[in-house]
Amino acid sequence: MKKLTGLLLISLLLLPAEALAGHGVRGRACYKEVWREEYVPGNRHRRGYVRRWKDVRRIPCNRRLHRPVIQHHHSNHYDNNSCVEGAVLGGILGGGAGAAVSRGDGRWIGVPIGIVAGSLIGCQVDGG
């Protein structure tokens, strides 16, 4: 009899406490703290204020929130569309056009503007 009592006592100590705590109890309840606020308006003699308090609400413990899993798909999209060739050719043609159109001292500003404008146009034409 002593061996049976000792064996029963040891087996109860080895069982997890959680398995014994909720055994046979359906609809276990948990509690959630909810902070609430209420504005109390003031008047001419007294300022308004905000009243704050904490409510404790009972919620089911087994309730699991099913949140959708948001998966981010990162696509490594590289712009392989280079416009270097078009910019170089457009710059050469634009510089030549700026030199042909401008006269005298205006070439100092006409050629650089032609190069920049030609390179921008050449880049767009090349597909950049």
N, C-alpha and C. Protein backbone atom coordinates (compact mmCIF):
# COMPACT_ATOMS: atom_id res chain seq x y z
N MET A 1 0.81 -1.19 0.00
CA MET A 1 0.00 0.00 0.00
C MET A 1 0.86 1.25 0.00
N LYS A 2 1.97 1.23 0.73
CA LYS A 2 2.86 2.38 0.78
C LYS A 2 3.50 2.61 -0.59
N LYS A 3 3.82 1.52 -1.28
CA LYS A 3 4.43 1.65 -2.60
C LYS A 3 3.44 2.25 -3.59
N LEU A 4 2.17 1.85 -3.50
CA LEU A 4 1.14 2.37 -4.39
C LEU A 4 0.90 3.86 -4.13
N THR A 5 0.87 4.27 -2.89
CA THR A 5 0.68 5.68 -2.55
C THR A 5 1.88 6.50 -3.01
N GLY A 6 3.07 5.99 -2.82
CA GLY A 6 4.29 6.68 -3.28
C GLY A 6 4.32 6.81 -4.78
N LEU A 7 3.93 5.75 -5.49
CA LEU A 7 3.89 5.77 -6.95
C LEU A 7 2.86 6.78 -7.46
N LEU A 8 1.71 6.85 -6.81
CA LEU A 8 0.68 7.81 -7.18
C LEU A 8 1.15 9.23 -6.93
N LEU A 9 1.80 9.48 -5.82
CA LEU A 9 2.30 10.80 -5.48
C LEU A 9 3.38 11.25 -6.48
N ILE A 10 4.29 10.34 -6.83
CA ILE A 10 5.34 10.68 -7.79
C ILE A 10 4.75 10.95 -9.17
N SER A 11 3.76 10.18 -9.59
CA SER A 11 3.15 10.40 -10.91
C SER A 11 2.41 11.72 -10.96
N LEU A 12 1.78 12.14 -9.86
CA LEU A 12 1.10 13.44 -9.84
C LEU A 12 2.10 14.59 -9.89
N LEU A 13 3.25 14.41 -9.28
CA LEU A 13 4.27 15.46 -9.31
C LEU A 13 4.92 15.58 -10.68
N LEU A 14 4.99 14.50 -11.42
CA LEU A 14 5.62 14.52 -12.72
C LEU A 14 4.70 15.05 -13.82
N LEU A 15 3.40 15.01 -13.63
CA LEU A 15 2.47 15.53 -14.62
C LEU A 15 2.57 17.05 -14.66
N PRO A 16 2.50 17.63 -15.83
CA PRO A 16 2.55 19.08 -15.90
C PRO A 16 1.34 19.71 -15.24
N ALA A 17 1.58 20.85 -14.62
CA ALA A 17 0.50 21.54 -13.92
C ALA A 17 -0.56 22.04 -14.88
N GLU A 18 -0.18 22.37 -16.09
CA GLU A 18 -1.16 22.89 -17.04
C GLU A 18 -2.15 21.81 -17.45
N ALA A 19 -1.71 20.58 -17.52
CA ALA A 19 -2.61 19.50 -17.90
C ALA A 19 -3.67 19.28 -16.84
N LEU A 20 -3.32 19.48 -15.60
CA LEU A 20 -4.29 19.29 -14.53
C LEU A 20 -5.17 20.52 -14.31
N ALA A 21 -4.66 21.70 -14.65
CA ALA A 21 -5.39 22.93 -14.34
C ALA A 21 -6.67 23.07 -15.13
N GLY A 22 -6.66 22.77 -16.43
CA GLY A 22 -7.84 22.99 -17.24
C GLY A 22 -8.60 21.73 -17.55
N HIS A 23 -8.29 20.64 -16.88
CA HIS A 23 -8.91 19.36 -17.19
C HIS A 23 -10.39 19.38 -16.83
N GLY A 24 -11.24 19.12 -17.81
CA GLY A 24 -12.67 19.05 -17.57
C GLY A 24 -13.37 20.40 -17.56
N VAL A 25 -12.66 21.48 -17.74
CA VAL A 25 -13.26 22.81 -17.74
C VAL A 25 -13.41 23.25 -19.18
N ARG A 26 -14.62 23.55 -19.59
CA ARG A 26 -14.86 24.00 -20.95
C ARG A 26 -15.11 25.50 -20.93
N GLY A 27 -14.60 26.19 -21.95
CA GLY A 27 -14.85 27.62 -22.06
C GLY A 27 -14.08 28.43 -21.04
N ARG A 28 -12.82 28.07 -20.83
CA ARG A 28 -11.98 28.84 -19.92
C ARG A 28 -11.99 30.29 -20.34
N ALA A 29 -11.87 31.19 -19.41
CA ALA A 29 -11.92 32.62 -19.73
C ALA A 29 -10.61 33.28 -19.36
N CYS A 30 -10.24 34.23 -20.17
CA CYS A 30 -9.09 35.06 -19.90
C CYS A 30 -9.58 36.49 -19.83
N TYR A 31 -8.70 37.36 -19.39
CA TYR A 31 -9.10 38.75 -19.22
C TYR A 31 -8.16 39.65 -19.99
N LYS A 32 -8.73 40.73 -20.48
CA LYS A 32 -7.98 41.69 -21.27
C LYS A 32 -8.25 43.08 -20.71
N GLU A 33 -7.17 43.85 -20.56
CA GLU A 33 -7.33 45.22 -20.08
C GLU A 33 -7.60 46.14 -21.25
N VAL A 34 -8.62 46.96 -21.14
CA VAL A 34 -8.99 47.89 -22.18
C VAL A 34 -9.00 49.29 -21.57
N TRP A 35 -8.21 50.17 -22.14
CA TRP A 35 -8.18 51.55 -21.66
C TRP A 35 -9.26 52.34 -22.35
N ARG A 36 -10.00 53.11 -21.57
CA ARG A 36 -11.10 53.90 -22.13
C ARG A 36 -10.91 55.35 -21.75
N GLU A 37 -11.44 56.22 -22.57
CA GLU A 37 -11.38 57.66 -22.33
C GLU A 37 -12.73 58.27 -22.62
N GLU A 38 -13.04 59.30 -21.88
CA GLU A 38 -14.30 60.03 -22.09
C GLU A 38 -14.01 61.51 -21.88
N TYR A 39 -14.45 62.32 -22.81
CA TYR A 39 -14.27 63.76 -22.68
C TYR A 39 -15.43 64.35 -21.92
N VAL A 40 -15.12 65.05 -20.88
CA VAL A 40 -16.13 65.74 -20.09
C VAL A 40 -16.03 67.21 -20.47
N PRO A 41 -17.07 67.74 -21.14
CA PRO A 41 -16.97 69.13 -21.60
C PRO A 41 -17.01 70.12 -20.44
N GLY A 42 -16.37 71.23 -20.67
CA GLY A 42 -16.34 72.26 -19.64
C GLY A 42 -17.38 73.34 -19.92
N ASN A 43 -17.35 74.35 -19.07
CA ASN A 43 -18.25 75.49 -19.27
C ASN A 43 -17.45 76.76 -18.99
N ARG A 44 -18.15 77.82 -18.75
CA ARG A 44 -17.49 79.10 -18.57
C ARG A 44 -16.63 79.14 -17.31
N HIS A 45 -17.02 78.42 -16.30
CA HIS A 45 -16.33 78.47 -15.01
C HIS A 45 -15.34 77.32 -14.81
N ARG A 46 -15.48 76.28 -15.60
CA ARG A 46 -14.65 75.09 -15.38
C ARG A 46 -14.18 74.53 -16.72
N ARG A 47 -12.91 74.20 -16.80
CA ARG A 47 -12.36 73.67 -18.04
C ARG A 47 -12.82 72.23 -18.26
N GLY A 48 -12.88 71.82 -19.51
CA GLY A 48 -13.19 70.44 -19.83
C GLY A 48 -11.97 69.57 -19.58
N TYR A 49 -12.19 68.28 -19.44
CA TYR A 49 -11.08 67.37 -19.18
C TYR A 49 -11.42 66.00 -19.75
N VAL A 50 -10.40 65.17 -19.79
CA VAL A 50 -10.55 63.81 -20.30
C VAL A 50 -10.44 62.86 -19.12
N ARG A 51 -11.46 62.04 -18.97
CA ARG A 51 -11.47 61.04 -17.91
C ARG A 51 -10.96 59.72 -18.48
N ARG A 52 -9.99 59.11 -17.82
CA ARG A 52 -9.40 57.86 -18.29
C ARG A 52 -9.55 56.79 -17.23
N TRP A 53 -9.85 55.57 -17.70
CA TRP A 53 -9.92 54.45 -16.79
C TRP A 53 -9.67 53.16 -17.55
N LYS A 54 -9.48 52.11 -16.78
CA LYS A 54 -9.16 50.80 -17.36
C LYS A 54 -10.29 49.84 -17.04
N ASP A 55 -10.82 49.20 -18.09
CA ASP A 55 -11.82 48.15 -17.92
C ASP A 55 -11.14 46.80 -18.10
N VAL A 56 -11.59 45.83 -17.36
CA VAL A 56 -11.11 44.47 -17.51
C VAL A 56 -12.26 43.67 -18.11
N ARG A 57 -12.03 43.16 -19.32
CA ARG A 57 -13.08 42.41 -20.02
C ARG A 57 -12.69 40.95 -20.10
N ARG A 58 -13.70 40.12 -20.06
CA ARG A 58 -13.50 38.68 -20.13
C ARG A 58 -13.56 38.25 -21.59
N ILE A 59 -12.56 37.50 -22.02
CA ILE A 59 -12.50 37.01 -23.39
C ILE A 59 -12.17 35.53 -23.35
N PRO A 60 -12.55 34.75 -24.35
CA PRO A 60 -12.19 33.33 -24.37
C PRO A 60 -10.70 33.15 -24.60
N CYS A 61 -10.11 32.21 -23.90
CA CYS A 61 -8.66 31.98 -23.99
C CYS A 61 -8.26 31.29 -25.28
N ASN A 62 -9.08 30.44 -25.79
CA ASN A 62 -8.72 29.65 -26.96
C ASN A 62 -8.92 30.42 -28.25
N ARG A 63 -9.35 31.64 -28.15
CA ARG A 63 -9.60 32.45 -29.34
C ARG A 63 -8.27 32.85 -29.96
N ARG A 64 -8.09 32.44 -31.18
CA ARG A 64 -6.88 32.79 -31.88
C ARG A 64 -7.23 33.78 -32.96
N LEU A 65 -6.42 34.80 -33.04
CA LEU A 65 -6.65 35.80 -34.07
C LEU A 65 -6.05 35.30 -35.38
N HIS A 66 -6.89 35.20 -36.39
CA HIS A 66 -6.43 34.75 -37.69
C HIS A 66 -6.09 35.98 -38.51
N ARG A 67 -4.84 36.31 -38.50
CA ARG A 67 -4.38 37.45 -39.28
C ARG A 67 -3.81 36.93 -40.58
N PRO A 68 -4.12 37.59 -41.67
CA PRO A 68 -3.56 37.12 -42.93
C PRO A 68 -2.05 37.32 -42.95
N VAL A 69 -1.38 36.33 -43.48
CA VAL A 69 0.07 36.42 -43.58
C VAL A 69 0.40 37.20 -44.84
N ILE A 70 1.08 38.29 -44.65
CA ILE A 70 1.45 39.12 -45.78
C ILE A 70 2.83 38.69 -46.25
N GLN A 71 2.87 38.25 -47.48
CA GLN A 71 4.14 37.81 -48.04
C GLN A 71 4.62 38.86 -49.01
N HIS A 72 5.82 39.29 -48.81
CA HIS A 72 6.40 40.29 -49.68
C HIS A 72 7.27 39.57 -50.71
N HIS A 73 6.91 39.74 -51.95
CA HIS A 73 7.70 39.15 -53.03
C HIS A 73 8.59 40.24 -53.60
N HIS A 74 9.85 40.10 -53.36
CA HIS A 74 10.80 41.09 -53.86
C HIS A 74 11.30 40.61 -55.21
N SER A 75 10.98 41.37 -56.21
CA SER A 75 11.50 41.05 -57.53
C SER A 75 12.65 42.01 -57.82
N ASN A 76 13.76 41.44 -58.14
CA ASN A 76 14.92 42.25 -58.44
C ASN A 76 14.85 42.66 -59.90
N HIS A 77 14.21 43.79 -60.13
CA HIS A 77 14.04 44.28 -61.49
C HIS A 77 15.12 45.32 -61.74
N TYR A 78 15.97 45.01 -62.67
CA TYR A 78 17.03 45.93 -63.04
C TYR A 78 16.71 46.51 -64.40
N ASP A 79 16.93 47.80 -64.52
CA ASP A 79 16.71 48.46 -65.79
C ASP A 79 17.96 48.27 -66.65
N ASN A 80 17.88 47.30 -67.54
CA ASN A 80 19.02 47.01 -68.40
C ASN A 80 19.05 47.89 -69.64
N ASN A 81 18.13 48.81 -69.72
CA ASN A 81 18.00 49.65 -70.89
C ASN A 81 18.93 50.85 -70.75
N SER A 82 20.12 50.74 -71.31
CA SER A 82 21.10 51.80 -71.22
C SER A 82 20.94 52.75 -72.39
N CYS A 83 21.15 54.02 -72.11
CA CYS A 83 21.02 55.01 -73.18
C CYS A 83 22.35 55.72 -73.43
N VAL A 84 23.45 55.06 -73.09
CA VAL A 84 24.76 55.69 -73.24
C VAL A 84 25.07 55.99 -74.70
N GLU A 85 24.81 55.01 -75.57
CA GLU A 85 25.14 55.22 -76.98
C GLU A 85 24.33 56.37 -77.58
N GLY A 86 23.04 56.39 -77.26
CA GLY A 86 22.19 57.46 -77.79
C GLY A 86 22.57 58.82 -77.23
N ALA A 87 23.01 58.85 -75.98
CA ALA A 87 23.41 60.13 -75.39
C ALA A 87 24.69 60.65 -76.03
N VAL A 88 25.63 59.75 -76.29
CA VAL A 88 26.89 60.18 -76.91
C VAL A 88 26.65 60.67 -78.33
N LEU A 89 25.91 59.88 -79.11
CA LEU A 89 25.63 60.30 -80.49
C LEU A 89 24.78 61.56 -80.53
N GLY A 90 23.80 61.65 -79.65
CA GLY A 90 22.98 62.86 -79.61
C GLY A 90 23.78 64.08 -79.18
N GLY A 91 24.73 63.90 -78.26
CA GLY A 91 25.58 65.01 -77.84
C GLY A 91 26.46 65.51 -78.97
N ILE A 92 27.01 64.56 -79.76
CA ILE A 92 27.85 64.97 -80.89
C ILE A 92 27.04 65.72 -81.93
N LEU A 93 25.85 65.14 -82.24
CA LEU A 93 24.99 65.81 -83.24
C LEU A 93 24.46 67.14 -82.72
N GLY A 94 24.10 67.19 -81.42
CA GLY A 94 23.59 68.44 -80.84
C GLY A 94 24.66 69.52 -80.77
N GLY A 95 25.90 69.11 -80.46
CA GLY A 95 27.00 70.09 -80.46
C GLY A 95 27.26 70.63 -81.86
N GLY A 96 27.20 69.74 -82.84
CA GLY A 96 27.38 70.20 -84.24
C GLY A 96 26.27 71.12 -84.67
N ALA A 97 25.04 70.80 -84.28
CA ALA A 97 23.90 71.66 -84.65
C ALA A 97 24.00 72.99 -83.93
N GLY A 98 24.45 72.99 -82.67
CA GLY A 98 24.61 74.25 -81.93
C GLY A 98 25.69 75.12 -82.54
N ALA A 99 26.77 74.50 -83.05
CA ALA A 99 27.83 75.26 -83.69
C ALA A 99 27.37 75.82 -85.03
N ALA A 100 26.55 75.07 -85.75
CA ALA A 100 26.08 75.52 -87.05
C ALA A 100 25.06 76.65 -86.94
N VAL A 101 24.23 76.59 -85.91
CA VAL A 101 23.17 77.60 -85.78
C VAL A 101 23.70 78.89 -85.16
N SER A 102 24.62 78.78 -84.24
CA SER A 102 25.10 79.99 -83.54
C SER A 102 26.15 80.71 -84.37
N ARG A 103 26.33 82.01 -84.06
CA ARG A 103 27.29 82.83 -84.79
C ARG A 103 28.14 83.63 -83.81
N GLY A 104 29.37 83.82 -84.15
CA GLY A 104 30.26 84.70 -83.39
C GLY A 104 30.46 84.24 -81.96
N ASP A 105 30.24 85.18 -81.02
CA ASP A 105 30.41 84.88 -79.60
C ASP A 105 29.31 83.98 -79.04
N GLY A 106 28.24 83.77 -79.78
CA GLY A 106 27.16 82.91 -79.33
C GLY A 106 27.52 81.43 -79.32
N ARG A 107 28.64 81.11 -79.96
CA ARG A 107 29.06 79.71 -79.99
C ARG A 107 29.51 79.23 -78.60
N TRP A 108 29.98 80.15 -77.78
CA TRP A 108 30.39 79.77 -76.43
C TRP A 108 29.22 79.19 -75.63
N ILE A 109 28.03 79.61 -75.92
CA ILE A 109 26.86 79.09 -75.21
C ILE A 109 26.06 78.15 -76.09
N GLY A 110 26.13 78.30 -77.40
CA GLY A 110 25.33 77.47 -78.31
C GLY A 110 25.81 76.03 -78.37
N VAL A 111 27.12 75.82 -78.37
CA VAL A 111 27.66 74.46 -78.46
C VAL A 111 27.36 73.66 -77.19
N PRO A 112 27.62 74.18 -75.97
CA PRO A 112 27.27 73.39 -74.78
C PRO A 112 25.78 73.10 -74.65
N ILE A 113 24.96 74.07 -74.98
CA ILE A 113 23.51 73.84 -74.91
C ILE A 113 23.11 72.79 -75.94
N GLY A 114 23.71 72.82 -77.11
CA GLY A 114 23.43 71.81 -78.14
C GLY A 114 23.87 70.42 -77.69
N ILE A 115 25.01 70.34 -77.00
CA ILE A 115 25.49 69.04 -76.52
C ILE A 115 24.52 68.47 -75.49
N VAL A 116 24.10 69.30 -74.52
CA VAL A 116 23.20 68.82 -73.46
C VAL A 116 21.84 68.44 -74.04
N ALA A 117 21.30 69.30 -74.89
CA ALA A 117 19.99 69.01 -75.47
C ALA A 117 20.07 67.78 -76.38
N GLY A 118 21.13 67.66 -77.14
CA GLY A 118 21.28 66.50 -78.03
C GLY A 118 21.45 65.20 -77.25
N SER A 119 22.17 65.26 -76.12
CA SER A 119 22.34 64.03 -75.34
C SER A 119 21.03 63.61 -74.68
N LEU A 120 20.24 64.56 -74.24
CA LEU A 120 18.93 64.21 -73.65
C LEU A 120 18.00 63.62 -74.70
N ILE A 121 17.98 64.23 -75.87
CA ILE A 121 17.12 63.72 -76.94
C ILE A 121 17.62 62.36 -77.43
N GLY A 122 18.93 62.21 -77.54
CA GLY A 122 19.50 60.93 -77.98
C GLY A 122 19.23 59.81 -76.98
N CYS A 123 19.25 60.13 -75.70
CA CYS A 123 18.93 59.12 -74.68
C CYS A 123 17.49 58.67 -74.80
N GLN A 124 16.58 59.60 -75.03
CA GLN A 124 15.17 59.24 -75.17
C GLN A 124 14.92 58.44 -76.46
N VAL A 125 15.60 58.78 -77.51
CA VAL A 125 15.44 58.06 -78.76
C VAL A 125 16.00 56.64 -78.64
N ASP A 126 17.10 56.50 -77.88
CA ASP A 126 17.72 55.19 -77.70
C ASP A 126 16.89 54.27 -76.81
N GLY A 127 15.94 54.81 -76.08
CA GLY A 127 15.06 53.97 -75.28
C GLY A 127 15.31 54.09 -73.80
N GLY A 128 15.95 55.11 -73.35
CA GLY A 128 16.21 55.26 -71.91
C GLY A 128 15.15 56.05 -71.30
